[in-house]
Protein backbone atom coordinates (compact mmCIF):
# COMPACT_ATOMS: atom_id res chain seq x y z
CA MET A 1 -12.34 121.20 -54.57
CA GLY A 2 -9.84 123.28 -56.66
CA LYS A 3 -8.93 122.86 -60.41
CA LYS A 4 -5.98 120.41 -60.98
CA ARG A 5 -3.15 122.10 -62.83
CA TYR A 6 -1.19 119.91 -65.36
CA SER A 7 2.28 120.63 -66.46
CA PRO A 8 2.83 121.60 -70.26
CA ASP A 9 4.99 118.45 -70.64
CA PHE A 10 2.16 116.37 -69.38
CA LYS A 11 -0.54 118.14 -71.78
CA LEU A 12 2.07 117.66 -74.79
CA LYS A 13 2.53 114.01 -73.70
CA LEU A 14 -1.15 113.27 -73.94
CA VAL A 15 -1.29 115.45 -77.37
CA ASN A 16 1.40 113.18 -78.75
CA GLN A 17 -0.16 110.23 -77.85
CA TYR A 18 -3.32 111.40 -79.53
CA ARG A 19 -1.49 112.30 -82.69
CA LEU A 20 0.14 108.85 -82.71
CA GLY A 21 -3.55 107.24 -82.67
CA THR A 22 -4.67 106.75 -79.22
CA ALA A 23 -8.47 107.67 -78.85
CA VAL A 24 -9.31 110.72 -76.75
CA SER A 25 -11.74 108.45 -75.18
CA LYS A 26 -9.17 106.31 -73.91
CA LEU A 27 -6.84 109.14 -72.79
CA ALA A 28 -9.65 110.45 -70.86
CA SER A 29 -10.49 107.14 -69.10
CA GLU A 30 -6.92 106.25 -68.44
CA TYR A 31 -5.69 109.59 -66.93
CA GLY A 32 -8.95 110.72 -65.38
CA ILE A 33 -9.39 113.74 -67.28
CA SER A 34 -12.34 115.07 -69.18
CA GLU A 35 -12.29 114.62 -73.01
CA VAL A 36 -13.38 118.36 -73.50
CA THR A 37 -10.11 119.31 -71.66
CA ILE A 38 -8.08 116.89 -73.90
CA TYR A 39 -9.57 118.48 -77.04
CA LYS A 40 -8.74 121.93 -75.59
CA TRP A 41 -5.01 120.79 -75.09
CA ILE A 42 -4.94 119.31 -78.85
CA LYS A 43 -5.94 122.59 -79.94
CA LEU A 44 -3.52 124.48 -78.00
CA TYR A 45 -0.78 122.42 -79.28
CA ALA A 46 -1.71 122.45 -82.97
CA PRO A 47 0.39 124.66 -85.54
CA VAL A 48 -1.08 128.07 -86.08
CA ASP A 49 -1.47 129.03 -89.66
CA GLY A 50 0.48 131.89 -91.00
CA VAL A 51 3.16 131.88 -87.97
CA GLY A 52 5.55 129.17 -89.00
CA ASP A 53 5.87 125.99 -86.91
CA MET A 54 4.42 127.76 -83.90
CA THR A 55 1.82 126.23 -81.75
CA LYS A 56 -0.88 128.40 -80.15
CA ALA A 57 0.75 127.78 -76.79
CA GLU A 58 3.82 129.28 -78.21
CA VAL A 59 2.18 132.21 -79.69
CA LEU A 60 0.22 133.07 -76.50
CA ALA A 61 3.83 132.96 -74.58
CA VAL A 62 5.31 135.32 -77.04
CA GLN A 63 2.30 137.82 -76.75
CA LYS A 64 2.51 137.62 -72.98
CA GLU A 65 6.22 138.20 -72.85
CA ASN A 66 5.95 140.98 -75.39
CA GLU A 67 3.11 142.51 -73.09
CA ARG A 68 5.47 142.40 -70.24
CA LEU A 69 8.60 143.88 -72.22
CA LYS A 70 6.20 146.74 -73.50
CA GLN A 71 5.10 147.55 -69.79
CA GLU A 72 9.09 147.56 -68.62
CA VAL A 73 9.70 150.08 -71.48
CA GLU A 74 6.91 152.31 -70.16
CA ILE A 75 8.36 152.34 -66.53
CA LEU A 76 11.90 152.97 -67.68
CA LYS A 77 10.51 156.04 -69.94
CA LYS A 78 8.73 157.22 -66.83
CA ALA A 79 11.76 156.96 -64.85
CA MET A 80 14.04 158.50 -67.32
CA THR A 81 11.59 161.67 -67.40
CA ILE A 82 11.96 161.76 -63.39
CA PHE A 83 15.71 161.70 -63.39
CA ALA A 84 15.95 164.07 -66.44
CA THR A 85 14.28 166.73 -64.40
CA LYS A 86 16.61 166.47 -61.34
C-alpha cells in the first residue's frame, strides 16, 4: 500500500482548523490521518523566525527554486564556453 499524498491546500485547511481551536485528536479521527502527520503539517506551516512572514514550506520552496536556478546558470556557463570556442 502506497503513501497517501495530500494537497498543500488540504494540509493548510487542517492547520487552520487547528489554529482555530480544533484538537489534533479530533482532526485525526475525523480525517483518518495520524496525529503525528498533522503535527508535522502544523510545524511545516508555522512562521519561521528571522524570515518575515514566511512559513517553513515557503522557505523550502524558495530554496528548491534557488537550487534549480543555480543549476541552470551552470548549464548556461558550460554552453557559453562551448560556443565561445567555435
